[in-house]
Protein backbone atom coordinates (compact mmCIF):
# COMPACT_ATOMS: atom_id res chain seq x y z
CA MET A 1 -0.32 -22.10 -0.23
CA LEU A 2 -3.12 -22.57 -2.73
CA SER A 3 -3.26 -20.66 -5.98
CA ARG A 4 -4.61 -17.09 -5.97
CA LEU A 5 -8.16 -16.47 -6.98
CA SER A 6 -10.01 -14.34 -9.50
CA PRO A 7 -10.83 -10.82 -8.21
CA ILE A 8 -14.61 -11.18 -7.92
CA LEU A 9 -17.50 -13.33 -9.12
CA ARG A 10 -20.38 -11.60 -10.85
CA HIS A 11 -23.89 -11.79 -9.44
CA ASN A 12 -26.10 -14.52 -10.87
CA ARG A 13 -29.74 -13.99 -9.90
CA LEU A 14 -30.60 -17.48 -8.67
CA PHE A 15 -32.88 -17.85 -5.69
CA SER A 16 -32.65 -21.57 -5.15
CA ALA A 17 -30.88 -23.56 -2.50
CA GLU A 18 -28.21 -24.19 -5.09
CA ALA A 19 -27.65 -20.45 -5.38
CA ARG A 20 -27.57 -19.97 -1.63
CA ALA A 21 -25.12 -22.78 -1.10
CA MET A 22 -21.98 -20.95 -2.12
CA THR A 23 -19.96 -23.77 -0.42
CA ARG A 24 -16.33 -23.29 0.43
CA ALA A 25 -15.32 -24.43 -3.06
CA THR A 26 -16.60 -21.20 -4.60
CA LEU A 27 -14.89 -19.08 -1.97
CA TYR A 28 -11.65 -20.99 -2.50
CA HIS A 29 -11.88 -19.93 -6.13
CA HIS A 30 -11.38 -16.32 -4.96
CA ALA A 31 -8.53 -16.51 -2.50
CA ARG A 32 -5.41 -18.06 -1.15
CA VAL A 33 -6.82 -20.43 1.47
CA LEU A 34 -5.10 -21.57 4.60
CA GLN A 35 -5.71 -25.20 5.51
CA PRO A 36 -9.06 -25.22 7.33
CA LEU A 37 -9.05 -25.68 11.08
CA LEU A 38 -11.49 -28.21 12.54
CA VAL A 39 -12.05 -27.84 16.27
CA ARG A 40 -14.23 -30.14 18.33
CA SER A 41 -16.02 -28.68 21.32
CA SER A 42 -13.59 -30.42 23.63
CA PRO A 43 -10.07 -29.07 24.41
CA ARG A 44 -8.59 -31.37 21.75
CA ILE A 45 -7.62 -29.51 18.55
CA ALA A 46 -6.67 -31.11 15.24
CA LEU A 47 -5.78 -29.89 11.74
CA ALA A 48 -7.58 -31.48 8.84
CA THR A 49 -9.05 -30.70 5.46
CA THR A 50 -12.73 -29.83 5.25
CA ALA A 51 -14.87 -32.86 4.49
CA ASN A 52 -17.44 -32.83 1.74
CA LEU A 53 -20.28 -32.81 4.23
CA LEU A 54 -23.00 -31.57 1.94
CA ASN A 55 -23.35 -32.69 -1.65
CA VAL A 56 -25.37 -29.88 -3.20
CA SER A 57 -24.86 -29.11 -6.86
CA SER A 58 -24.11 -25.45 -7.60
CA SER A 59 -24.44 -23.42 -10.77
CA ASP A 60 -21.37 -23.16 -12.95
CA SER A 61 -22.02 -19.44 -13.22
CA SER A 62 -19.57 -17.38 -11.25
CA SER A 63 -21.83 -16.07 -8.50
CA MET A 64 -20.36 -15.20 -5.18
CA PHE A 65 -22.67 -14.12 -2.41
CA HIS A 66 -26.25 -15.29 -3.04
CA ARG A 67 -27.44 -14.65 0.48
CA ARG A 68 -28.39 -11.90 2.86
CA PHE A 69 -25.61 -9.79 4.21
CA HIS A 70 -24.86 -6.94 6.54
CA ALA A 71 -22.44 -4.06 6.04
CA VAL A 72 -20.95 -1.63 8.52
CA ARG A 73 -19.52 1.74 7.56
CA ASN A 74 -16.57 3.38 9.23
CA ILE A 75 -19.01 5.64 11.11
CA GLY A 76 -22.55 4.31 11.10
CA GLY A 77 -24.76 4.83 8.07
CA GLY A 78 -28.07 3.72 6.65
CA ASP A 79 -27.03 0.30 5.40
CA TRP A 80 -29.58 -2.37 4.67
CA LYS A 81 -29.77 -6.08 4.07
CA LEU A 82 -31.17 -8.00 1.17
CA PRO A 83 -34.22 -10.15 1.76
CA LYS A 84 -33.51 -13.79 2.34
CA PRO A 85 -33.94 -15.69 -0.94
CA ALA A 86 -36.54 -18.42 -0.95
CA ALA A 87 -35.18 -21.90 -0.54
CA GLY A 88 -35.49 -24.25 -3.51
CA ARG A 89 -35.39 -28.00 -3.84
CA VAL A 90 -32.58 -30.20 -2.64
CA PHE A 91 -32.36 -33.61 -4.22
CA ALA A 92 -31.09 -36.51 -2.13
CA GLU A 93 -31.07 -40.19 -2.89
CA ARG A 94 -33.10 -42.34 -0.50
CA ARG A 95 -31.71 -45.78 0.35
CA GLU A 96 -33.54 -48.76 1.83
CA TYR A 97 -31.83 -51.09 4.31
CA ARG A 98 -32.65 -54.55 5.61
CA LYS A 99 -33.80 -54.66 9.18
CA MET A 100 -30.86 -55.23 11.45
CA ARG A 101 -30.48 -56.25 15.04
CA LYS A 102 -30.51 -53.24 17.30
CA ARG A 103 -27.08 -52.05 18.28
CA ALA A 104 -26.09 -50.07 21.33
CA PRO A 105 -26.51 -46.32 20.67
CA LYS A 106 -23.32 -44.60 19.59
CA ARG A 107 -21.69 -42.11 21.84
CA LYS A 108 -22.72 -38.61 20.74
CA GLN A 109 -20.11 -37.10 18.47
CA GLU A 110 -18.56 -33.84 19.62
CA LEU A 111 -19.44 -30.73 17.64
CA GLU A 112 -16.87 -29.86 14.97
CA LEU A 113 -16.08 -26.25 14.11
CA SER A 114 -14.73 -25.98 10.56
CA VAL A 115 -13.13 -22.59 9.89
CA SER A 116 -11.62 -21.61 6.54
CA ILE A 117 -9.39 -18.52 6.40
CA CYS A 118 -8.99 -17.05 2.90
CA ILE A 119 -6.75 -14.25 1.57
CA GLU A 120 -8.09 -12.54 -1.54
CA GLU A 121 -5.69 -12.53 -4.48
CA GLN A 122 -5.22 -8.76 -4.73
CA LEU A 123 -3.72 -8.49 -1.24
CA PRO A 124 0.09 -8.55 -1.27
CA ASP A 125 2.04 -11.49 0.11
CA ASP A 126 2.65 -9.50 3.26
CA THR A 127 4.12 -11.18 6.32
CA GLU A 128 1.78 -9.33 8.67
CA ILE A 129 -1.30 -10.48 6.75
CA GLN A 130 -0.05 -14.06 6.79
CA ASN A 131 0.61 -13.90 10.52
CA ILE A 132 -2.84 -12.45 11.20
CA ALA A 133 -4.46 -15.17 9.08
CA GLU A 134 -2.61 -17.84 11.07
CA MET A 135 -3.68 -16.23 14.35
CA LEU A 136 -7.30 -16.15 13.18
CA ARG A 137 -7.22 -19.90 12.61
CA VAL A 138 -7.08 -20.23 16.38
CA ASN A 139 -8.98 -17.08 17.40
CA VAL A 140 -12.13 -17.58 15.31
CA PRO A 141 -13.05 -21.05 16.70
CA MET A 142 -12.55 -19.67 20.22
CA ALA A 143 -14.93 -16.80 19.47
CA MET A 144 -17.45 -19.17 17.86
CA LYS A 145 -17.56 -21.45 20.91
CA LEU A 146 -18.03 -18.50 23.26
CA ALA A 147 -20.74 -16.99 21.06
CA PHE A 148 -22.57 -20.33 20.88
CA ASN A 149 -22.55 -20.61 24.66
CA GLY A 150 -24.13 -17.16 24.79
CA LEU A 151 -27.11 -18.43 22.81
CA LYS A 152 -28.13 -20.74 25.65
CA ASP A 153 -30.90 -19.20 27.74
CA SER A 154 -30.55 -16.02 25.69
CA LYS A 155 -32.68 -13.11 26.93
CA TYR A 156 -32.23 -11.00 23.81
CA LYS A 157 -35.50 -9.78 22.31
CA THR A 158 -34.36 -8.62 18.86
CA ARG A 159 -32.14 -11.47 17.66
CA GLU A 160 -33.47 -13.63 14.84
CA THR A 161 -33.64 -17.18 16.17
CA ASP A 162 -32.97 -19.16 12.97
CA ILE A 163 -29.93 -20.50 14.81
CA GLU A 164 -30.85 -21.49 18.35
CA ASN A 165 -29.25 -24.72 19.50
CA VAL A 166 -25.96 -25.47 17.77
CA GLY A 167 -25.79 -28.67 19.79
CA GLY A 168 -28.25 -30.14 17.31
CA PHE A 169 -25.62 -30.07 14.55
CA GLU A 170 -22.64 -32.33 13.94
CA THR A 171 -20.53 -29.66 12.22
CA VAL A 172 -20.50 -25.88 12.03
CA GLU A 173 -18.84 -24.29 8.99
CA LEU A 174 -17.64 -20.68 8.68
CA SER A 175 -15.34 -18.95 6.23
CA LEU A 176 -13.46 -15.69 6.70
CA MET A 177 -11.95 -13.77 3.80
CA LEU A 178 -9.39 -10.97 4.10
CA CYS A 179 -9.52 -8.67 1.07
CA ASN A 180 -8.71 -5.14 -0.09
CA ASP A 181 -10.95 -2.08 -0.47
CA GLU A 182 -11.43 -2.64 -4.20
CA PHE A 183 -12.83 -6.13 -3.68
CA ILE A 184 -15.27 -5.20 -0.92
CA CYS A 185 -16.22 -2.02 -2.82
CA LYS A 186 -17.33 -4.15 -5.77
CA LEU A 187 -19.50 -6.22 -3.45
CA ASN A 188 -21.08 -3.06 -2.03
CA LYS A 189 -21.67 -1.63 -5.48
CA GLU A 190 -23.25 -4.79 -6.85
CA TRP A 191 -25.35 -5.75 -3.86
CA ARG A 192 -26.13 -2.44 -2.22
CA GLY A 193 -25.76 0.08 -5.05
CA GLU A 194 -23.15 2.04 -3.05
CA ASP A 195 -19.73 2.60 -4.58
CA HIS A 196 -17.53 2.69 -1.48
CA PRO A 197 -15.70 0.22 0.72
CA THR A 198 -16.89 -0.96 4.14
CA ASP A 199 -14.93 -2.72 6.83
CA VAL A 200 -16.91 -5.99 7.11
CA LEU A 201 -19.64 -7.87 5.26
CA SER A 202 -21.54 -10.88 6.63
CA MET A 203 -23.26 -13.38 4.33
CA SER A 204 -25.47 -16.05 5.87
CA GLN A 205 -25.71 -19.51 4.30
CA HIS A 206 -27.96 -21.05 6.92
CA VAL A 207 -31.23 -22.51 5.58
CA PRO A 208 -33.17 -23.69 8.66
CA GLU A 209 -35.84 -25.45 6.58
CA LEU A 210 -33.34 -28.03 5.33
CA LYS A 211 -32.76 -29.60 8.78
CA LEU A 212 -29.20 -30.57 7.88
CA PRO A 213 -26.58 -31.99 10.26
CA VAL A 214 -24.27 -29.22 9.07
CA LEU A 215 -24.73 -25.62 10.21
CA MET A 216 -23.34 -23.52 7.37
CA MET A 217 -23.10 -20.18 9.16
CA GLY A 218 -21.80 -18.37 6.09
CA ASP A 219 -18.99 -16.01 5.20
CA ILE A 220 -17.38 -12.96 6.76
CA VAL A 221 -15.47 -10.64 4.41
CA ILE A 222 -13.11 -8.06 5.93
CA SER A 223 -11.23 -5.30 4.10
CA VAL A 224 -7.70 -5.21 5.51
CA GLU A 225 -7.15 -1.73 4.07
CA THR A 226 -10.14 -0.22 5.86
CA ALA A 227 -9.29 -2.17 9.01
CA ALA A 228 -5.75 -0.77 8.92
CA ARG A 229 -7.04 2.80 8.73
CA GLN A 230 -9.49 2.22 11.57
CA ALA A 231 -6.79 0.59 13.69
CA ALA A 232 -4.60 3.68 13.26
CA GLU A 233 -7.51 5.98 14.18
CA ARG A 234 -8.42 3.95 17.27
CA GLY A 235 -4.88 3.42 18.51
CA HIS A 236 -4.60 -0.35 18.45
CA SER A 237 -3.07 -2.99 16.21
CA LEU A 238 -4.42 -4.30 12.92
CA LEU A 239 -4.98 -7.72 14.51
CA ASP A 240 -7.05 -6.10 17.27
CA GLU A 241 -9.24 -4.34 14.69
CA ILE A 242 -9.76 -7.48 12.61
CA ARG A 243 -10.74 -9.43 15.74
CA ILE A 244 -13.35 -6.76 16.49
CA LEU A 245 -14.69 -7.05 12.95
CA VAL A 246 -14.81 -10.85 13.25
CA ILE A 247 -16.98 -10.57 16.35
CA HIS A 248 -19.28 -8.08 14.65
CA GLY A 249 -19.64 -10.17 11.52
CA MET A 250 -20.20 -13.37 13.52
CA LEU A 251 -22.98 -11.80 15.58
CA HIS A 252 -24.76 -10.76 12.38
CA LEU A 253 -24.62 -14.38 11.23
CA LEU A 254 -26.13 -15.43 14.56
CA GLY A 255 -29.13 -13.17 14.04
CA PHE A 256 -28.13 -9.87 15.66
CA ASP A 257 -28.86 -6.76 13.62
CA HIS A 258 -28.10 -3.31 15.04
CA GLU A 259 -29.76 -1.60 12.07
CA ILE A 260 -33.37 -2.51 12.76
CA SER A 261 -33.93 -0.53 15.97
CA ASP A 262 -32.26 1.25 18.87
CA GLU A 263 -33.03 -1.73 21.11
CA ALA A 264 -31.41 -4.11 18.62
CA GLU A 265 -28.35 -1.88 18.43
CA LYS A 266 -28.01 -1.83 22.19
CA GLU A 267 -28.36 -5.60 22.47
CA MET A 268 -25.77 -6.28 19.77
CA GLU A 269 -23.43 -3.71 21.28
CA GLU A 270 -23.68 -5.42 24.69
CA GLU A 271 -22.94 -8.81 23.14
CA GLU A 272 -19.91 -7.41 21.28
CA GLU A 273 -18.46 -5.96 24.47
CA LEU A 274 -19.16 -9.15 26.41
CA LEU A 275 -17.42 -11.38 23.86
CA LEU A 276 -14.38 -9.12 23.52
CA LYS A 277 -14.01 -8.88 27.29
CA SER A 278 -14.45 -12.63 27.78
CA LEU A 279 -11.87 -13.39 25.09
CA GLY A 280 -9.43 -10.85 26.49
CA TRP A 281 -9.18 -9.04 23.15
CA LYS A 282 -8.31 -5.35 23.01
CA GLY A 283 -10.57 -2.59 21.78
CA LYS A 284 -14.21 -1.64 21.97
CA GLY A 285 -16.92 -3.28 19.92
CA LEU A 286 -17.45 -1.93 16.41
CA ILE A 287 -20.76 -0.25 17.27
CA GLN A 288 -19.31 1.57 20.27
CA SER A 289 -16.14 2.53 18.35
CA ALA A 290 -18.17 3.97 15.47
CA TYR A 291 -20.36 5.88 17.93
CA ASP A 292 -17.33 7.31 19.73
CA ILE A 293 -15.73 8.50 16.49
CA GLU A 294 -18.97 10.06 15.28
CA LYS A 295 -19.51 11.82 18.61
CA THR A 296 -15.98 13.24 18.83
CA ALA A 297 -15.92 14.20 15.15
CA LYS A 298 -19.01 16.41 15.21
CA PRO A 299 -17.52 19.51 16.89
CA GLN A 300 -14.43 19.45 14.70
CA PRO A 301 -14.30 21.21 11.31
CA GLU A 302 -13.71 19.03 8.31
CA LYS A 303 -10.10 18.82 7.23
CA ALA A 304 -9.25 17.77 3.70
CA ASP A 305 -6.32 15.45 4.27
CA ASP A 306 -6.17 12.35 2.14
CA ARG A 307 -2.71 11.42 3.33
CA LYS A 308 -2.49 7.74 4.17
CA LYS A 309 -0.43 7.51 7.32
CA GLY A 310 1.33 4.80 9.25
CA ASP A 311 1.07 1.07 8.76
CA GLY A 312 -2.09 1.45 6.68
CA LEU A 313 0.10 2.33 3.68
CA ARG A 314 1.35 -1.21 3.29
CA PHE A 315 -2.06 -2.51 2.22
CA TYR A 316 -2.66 -0.02 -0.56
CA ARG A 317 -1.87 -0.95 -4.12
CA PRO A 318 0.42 1.52 -5.92
CA LYS A 319 -1.09 3.84 -8.52
CA PHE A 320 2.24 3.99 -10.35
CA SER A 321 5.06 1.63 -11.30
CA TYR A 322 7.91 4.07 -10.67
CA ILE A 323 8.71 7.15 -8.61
CA PHE A 324 11.47 9.37 -9.99
CA CYS A 325 12.82 11.48 -7.15
CA ASP A 326 15.22 14.41 -7.05
CA MET A 327 17.64 14.73 -4.12
CA ASP A 328 18.88 18.27 -3.30
CA GLY A 329 15.98 20.42 -2.14
CA THR A 330 13.57 17.48 -2.42
CA LEU A 331 14.54 14.21 -0.74
CA LEU A 332 17.25 16.01 1.23
CA ASN A 333 16.36 18.66 3.81
CA SER A 334 18.19 21.96 4.20
CA LYS A 335 20.94 20.10 6.07
CA SER A 336 21.42 17.74 3.09
CA GLN A 337 20.07 14.84 5.12
CA ILE A 338 17.33 12.29 4.51
CA SER A 339 14.79 12.45 7.32
CA GLU A 340 13.63 9.31 9.07
CA ALA A 341 10.08 9.86 7.77
CA ASN A 342 11.28 10.13 4.16
CA ALA A 343 13.43 7.03 4.51
CA LYS A 344 10.55 5.03 6.00
CA ALA A 345 8.15 6.11 3.25
CA LEU A 346 10.61 5.09 0.52
CA LYS A 347 11.16 1.70 2.14
CA GLU A 348 7.45 1.03 2.50
CA ALA A 349 6.83 2.14 -1.09
CA THR A 350 9.38 -0.38 -2.35
CA LEU A 351 7.80 -3.08 -0.17
CA ARG A 352 4.48 -2.38 -1.90
CA GLY A 353 6.06 -2.94 -5.31
CA LEU A 354 6.93 0.63 -6.32
CA LYS A 355 10.34 1.10 -7.93
CA VAL A 356 12.07 4.27 -6.76
CA VAL A 357 14.61 5.79 -9.17
CA ILE A 358 16.91 8.65 -8.24
CA ALA A 359 17.03 11.50 -10.78
CA THR A 360 19.56 14.04 -9.58
CA GLY A 361 22.26 16.50 -10.53
CA LYS A 362 24.58 14.58 -8.25
CA SER A 363 27.07 11.97 -9.30
CA ARG A 364 26.19 8.35 -8.66
CA PRO A 365 28.84 7.96 -5.88
CA GLY A 366 27.50 11.13 -4.21
CA ALA A 367 23.93 9.84 -4.27
CA MET A 368 24.97 6.42 -2.98
CA ARG A 369 26.93 7.94 -0.13
CA ILE A 370 23.95 9.93 1.16
CA LEU A 371 21.41 7.14 0.69
CA LYS A 372 23.70 4.69 2.46
CA MET A 373 23.42 6.80 5.62
CA ALA A 374 19.65 6.20 5.55
CA ASP A 375 20.04 2.49 4.77
CA LEU A 376 18.65 3.05 1.29
CA ALA A 377 21.71 2.12 -0.77
CA GLY A 378 23.09 -1.23 -1.77
CA ARG A 379 21.66 -4.36 -3.29
CA ASP A 380 18.24 -4.11 -1.63
CA GLY A 381 18.15 -0.29 -1.59
CA ILE A 382 16.95 2.21 -4.16
CA VAL A 383 20.38 3.05 -5.58
CA SER A 384 23.45 0.94 -6.23
CA GLU A 385 25.95 0.25 -9.00
CA SER A 386 23.51 -2.34 -10.37
CA SER A 387 20.29 -0.28 -10.30
CA PRO A 388 18.75 2.21 -12.75
CA GLY A 389 19.30 5.90 -12.16
CA VAL A 390 19.60 9.34 -13.74
CA PHE A 391 22.62 11.35 -12.57
CA VAL A 392 24.52 14.57 -13.34
CA GLN A 393 21.38 16.31 -14.69
CA GLY A 394 20.60 13.44 -17.06
CA LEU A 395 24.11 13.30 -18.55
CA LEU A 396 24.74 9.86 -17.06
CA VAL A 397 21.89 7.36 -17.33
CA TYR A 398 22.16 3.82 -16.02
CA GLY A 399 19.66 1.09 -16.81
CA ARG A 400 19.16 -2.57 -15.99
CA GLN A 401 22.00 -4.09 -13.97
CA GLY A 402 23.45 -0.59 -13.69
CA LYS A 403 24.74 -0.60 -17.27
CA GLU A 404 25.40 2.76 -18.90
CA VAL A 405 22.54 3.76 -21.22
CA TYR A 406 23.69 7.27 -22.07
CA ARG A 407 26.57 9.64 -21.46
CA GLY A 408 26.63 13.29 -22.56
CA ASN A 409 29.89 15.27 -22.56
CA LEU A 410 30.52 19.01 -22.47
CA ASP A 411 32.25 20.65 -25.45
CA ARG A 412 36.02 20.74 -24.78
CA ASP A 413 36.32 24.40 -25.83
CA VAL A 414 33.62 25.33 -23.33
CA CYS A 415 35.45 23.31 -20.65
CA ARG A 416 38.68 25.20 -21.38
CA GLU A 417 36.96 28.59 -21.28
CA THR A 418 35.26 27.87 -17.93
CA CYS A 419 38.55 26.72 -16.42
CA LEU A 420 40.37 29.87 -17.56
CA TYR A 421 37.52 32.01 -16.18
CA SER A 422 37.82 30.21 -12.83
CA LEU A 423 41.57 30.92 -12.59
CA GLU A 424 41.24 34.52 -13.75
CA HIS A 425 38.45 35.49 -11.30
CA GLY A 426 39.34 33.16 -8.43
CA ILE A 427 35.89 31.57 -8.58
CA PRO A 428 36.03 27.86 -7.70
CA LEU A 429 35.00 25.38 -10.39
CA ILE A 430 34.35 21.64 -10.16
CA ALA A 431 34.31 19.44 -13.25
CA PHE A 432 32.27 16.24 -13.10
CA SER A 433 33.76 13.24 -14.90
CA GLN A 434 31.64 10.11 -14.25
CA ASP A 435 32.54 9.05 -10.68
CA ARG A 436 35.20 11.76 -10.19
CA CYS A 437 35.24 15.47 -9.35
CA LEU A 438 38.13 17.62 -10.61
CA THR A 439 39.18 21.20 -9.72
CA LEU A 440 42.06 23.61 -10.31
CA PHE A 441 42.67 24.93 -6.79
CA ASP A 442 41.70 24.34 -3.21
CA HIS A 443 38.85 26.41 -1.77
CA PRO A 444 36.39 26.11 1.17
CA LEU A 445 33.44 26.01 -1.26
CA VAL A 446 35.07 23.13 -3.12
CA ASP A 447 35.45 21.27 0.16
CA SER A 448 31.80 21.91 0.99
CA LEU A 449 30.77 20.02 -2.13
CA HIS A 450 32.21 16.95 -0.42
CA THR A 451 31.48 17.65 3.25
CA THR A 452 27.99 19.11 2.81
CA TYR A 453 26.73 17.65 -0.47
CA ASN A 454 28.61 14.34 -0.18
CA GLU A 455 30.06 14.43 -3.68
CA PRO A 456 33.42 12.67 -4.24
CA LYS A 457 36.30 14.71 -2.83
CA ALA A 458 37.59 16.93 -5.62
CA GLU A 459 41.01 16.09 -7.08
CA ILE A 460 43.18 19.17 -7.67
CA ILE A 461 44.61 19.18 -11.20
CA SER A 462 47.72 21.31 -11.79
CA SER A 463 46.78 22.87 -15.15
CA VAL A 464 43.88 23.53 -17.46
CA ASP A 465 45.39 21.40 -20.23
CA GLN A 466 45.82 18.46 -17.88
CA LEU A 467 42.26 18.74 -16.59
CA ILE A 468 40.88 18.81 -20.15
CA ALA A 469 43.02 15.84 -21.14
CA GLU A 470 42.30 13.90 -17.93
CA ALA A 471 38.88 12.55 -18.95
CA ASP A 472 35.57 13.36 -20.60
CA ILE A 473 33.75 16.10 -18.68
CA GLN A 474 29.96 15.93 -18.35
CA LYS A 475 29.43 19.30 -16.65
CA VAL A 476 31.15 22.02 -14.65
CA ILE A 477 29.85 23.90 -11.61
CA PHE A 478 30.76 27.40 -10.49
CA MET A 479 30.33 27.99 -6.75
CA ASP A 480 29.91 31.47 -5.27
CA THR A 481 27.54 33.51 -3.14
CA THR A 482 23.89 33.66 -4.14
CA GLU A 483 24.32 37.29 -5.20
CA GLY A 484 27.50 36.55 -7.14
CA VAL A 485 25.83 33.73 -9.07
CA SER A 486 22.67 35.68 -9.91
CA SER A 487 24.22 39.06 -10.70
CA VAL A 488 27.57 38.16 -12.29
CA ILE A 489 28.20 34.51 -13.19
CA ARG A 490 24.84 33.55 -14.64
CA PRO A 491 24.42 36.62 -16.90
CA TYR A 492 27.98 36.23 -18.23
CA TRP A 493 27.77 32.52 -19.06
CA SER A 494 24.22 32.66 -20.39
CA GLU A 495 25.64 34.89 -23.15
CA ALA A 496 29.13 33.35 -23.46
CA THR A 497 28.02 29.78 -24.08
CA GLY A 498 25.73 30.64 -26.98
CA ASP A 499 24.39 27.46 -28.50
CA ARG A 500 27.41 25.42 -27.39
CA ALA A 501 26.12 24.83 -23.84
CA SER A 502 23.29 25.61 -21.44
CA VAL A 503 23.22 27.03 -17.94
CA VAL A 504 21.25 25.28 -15.19
CA GLN A 505 20.67 26.43 -11.63
CA ALA A 506 19.58 23.80 -9.11
CA GLN A 507 20.96 25.68 -6.07
CA SER A 508 21.05 29.42 -5.53
CA ASP A 509 24.82 29.41 -4.85
CA MET A 510 25.76 27.17 -7.80
CA LEU A 511 25.66 27.57 -11.57
CA GLU A 512 26.02 24.54 -13.81
CA ILE A 513 27.29 24.58 -17.39
CA VAL A 514 26.00 21.56 -19.28
CA PRO A 515 25.77 20.35 -22.90
CA PRO A 516 22.91 21.93 -24.89
CA GLY A 517 19.57 20.16 -24.52
CA THR A 518 20.58 18.60 -21.22
CA SER A 519 17.76 17.93 -18.79
CA LYS A 520 16.67 15.35 -16.29
CA GLY A 521 13.54 15.02 -18.38
CA ASN A 522 15.57 13.76 -21.35
CA GLY A 523 17.50 11.41 -19.09
CA VAL A 524 14.25 10.04 -17.66
CA LYS A 525 12.83 9.60 -21.19
CA MET A 526 15.87 7.58 -22.26
CA LEU A 527 15.63 5.40 -19.16
CA LEU A 528 11.90 4.80 -19.64
CA ASN A 529 12.52 3.75 -23.25
CA HIS A 530 15.23 1.40 -22.04
CA LEU A 531 12.95 -0.10 -19.38
CA GLY A 532 9.88 -0.22 -21.63
CA VAL A 533 7.87 1.93 -19.20
CA SER A 534 5.26 4.54 -20.16
CA PRO A 535 5.32 8.04 -18.62
CA ASN A 536 1.75 7.31 -17.51
CA GLU A 537 3.21 4.80 -15.06
CA ILE A 538 5.45 7.24 -13.20
CA MET A 539 5.21 9.85 -10.47
CA ALA A 540 7.99 12.45 -10.23
CA ILE A 541 9.02 14.60 -7.25
CA GLY A 542 11.32 17.61 -7.50
CA ASP A 543 11.91 21.25 -6.64
CA GLY A 544 14.28 23.05 -9.02
CA GLU A 545 14.14 24.43 -12.52
CA ASN A 546 16.15 21.41 -13.63
CA ASP A 547 13.18 19.22 -12.58
CA MET A 548 10.60 20.97 -14.76
CA GLU A 549 10.72 18.65 -17.77
CA MET A 550 10.72 15.58 -15.55
CA LEU A 551 7.63 16.77 -13.69
CA GLU A 552 5.85 17.63 -16.94
CA LEU A 553 6.68 14.23 -18.39
CA ALA A 554 5.31 12.23 -15.45
CA SER A 555 1.70 11.19 -14.98
CA LEU A 556 1.83 13.09 -11.69
CA GLY A 557 4.43 15.76 -10.97
CA VAL A 558 4.83 16.91 -7.36
CA VAL A 559 6.92 19.97 -6.53
CA MET A 560 8.05 20.84 -3.02
CA SER A 561 6.67 24.05 -1.54
CA ASN A 562 10.25 25.31 -1.31
CA GLY A 563 10.65 24.82 -5.07
CA ALA A 564 11.22 27.39 -7.77
CA GLU A 565 8.20 29.39 -8.93
CA LYS A 566 8.72 28.28 -12.54
CA THR A 567 8.65 24.67 -11.40
CA LYS A 568 5.48 25.17 -9.37
CA ALA A 569 3.80 26.54 -12.48
CA VAL A 570 4.25 23.25 -14.40
CA ALA A 571 3.68 20.76 -11.58
CA ASP A 572 0.40 18.95 -10.97
CA VAL A 573 0.67 19.25 -7.18
CA ILE A 574 2.50 21.59 -4.82
CA GLY A 575 3.42 19.52 -1.80
CA MET A 576 5.08 20.21 1.51
CA SER A 577 8.65 21.49 1.83
CA ASN A 578 11.83 19.41 1.96
CA ASP A 579 12.11 20.33 5.65
CA GLU A 580 8.59 19.00 6.30
CA ASP A 581 9.19 15.48 4.96
CA GLY A 582 7.70 16.49 1.62
CA VAL A 583 8.67 13.25 -0.14
CA ALA A 584 6.98 11.12 2.54
CA ASP A 585 3.89 13.29 2.35
CA ALA A 586 3.75 12.95 -1.45
CA ILE A 587 4.10 9.17 -1.27
CA TYR A 588 1.47 8.71 1.44
CA ARG A 589 -0.92 11.13 -0.21
CA HIS A 590 -0.57 10.39 -3.92
CA ALA A 591 1.31 7.16 -4.68
CA PHE A 592 -1.35 4.76 -3.33
């Protein structure tokens, strides 16, 4: 694997042969380059490095594509090509030889096809991209040979005939670069004055006036991100779509141009379909596919949906460094489960380099237990004993290697008073103490905290004094009916705690008593300081009142549609509900 390349070379307005000859060396300066494949026109195939077949000096200025090019939108468009720059001088040394005895003519050398496959530096080291690049090393020479055969006795009326008989050359050179939308967008903006990505660009290097033994066809640049979206829309694989774009770009280099007239479009379309069919590759040609989409799209009303779905997500670069995600009412549905769609989105986000951090009212063991069911816990998951996280409403914060960054404890007098209230009124209470849950008596609601919410099974402590002396308590939870919490428990404890504690309600049937000033937002702040991460680098997803400060802190705060009204008022975006895979929707729509 060669070193990665700089993102893009700036345009240098040279119109000489030196400027047109962007040679593979310049392209290599932009991308990871697979070892070029040289294929002779016989069945024999060999791997070799590209020879220095043409010694043309080039400017030291970083100029990338000094040649004509073609661009194709997702659905048609009025694209245009730059005029072909005038050829300049090429200096070559002339040598004189003594007259020699005539030798028998050499056997004609077979035509060599030299194909360089490049991966632009901004694309991730993704296995699928690598596999596609390897496949193209074989596919592209096959397509070239078939396309060259089609030039013989060609009946096409609109094709430019700068390249007619490839048999007159010793070597044919072509490069193919796979890039992202940002890279190809810069090319469009600089060369065409249009600030948007396209799927494929073709840049010709052929200068027929030079009469060289080397046919430098030029360069084809393909955006993998746009190709991935189009593949999803058209119902075939990413490799299928890239093959279609290769054919389209290659035909442009061979003189076809669908933009000049209806007749030219029809002729290029026919050649695309013929090549794809002859090669046995799936999908329609790019012209026909674009026409089909445009035709079927016209009767349908526009729908504003910028959600990036499916496999296309993996080729987008993250907008953030971290996602802080709540669990109950957010990542978990109404059955306290993580949906398959949410789990897949989190996994793909981590594959793209996003770090997902759980910020929850749950204990760390409770969070790990639920995430383990979705294969999201453990060493390579998003939560483990050695990963960062914010738990128990921000009262337990773990940083690098899972080391404790902060622990907040509830006032012991408040703990005693809540325990006595629980015994007196028969209202179940659970005290959270790091990885343990403690209670004073057995009750179905206490059991549900373990069976439904997956918290550690509560240990029954025989007396209030023993529970207080057992360990430091971070928070206590009263569990009752929704009406009982709202009409009795919350009003009483909002007044009784004074400035010694705060009340927090994440679930309608639970009331939490926590140390004053407790919030997930504070826990997230402490963790960000520990990690050296700015709030501008994070996206937060939540639903409850206890998520408000976290959502306000983040660069982008997304609240579920099932969230509290107060929380919706401070969020940047109101997403879908926790029963509609709201976390997955937020990631696909906003994180990339």
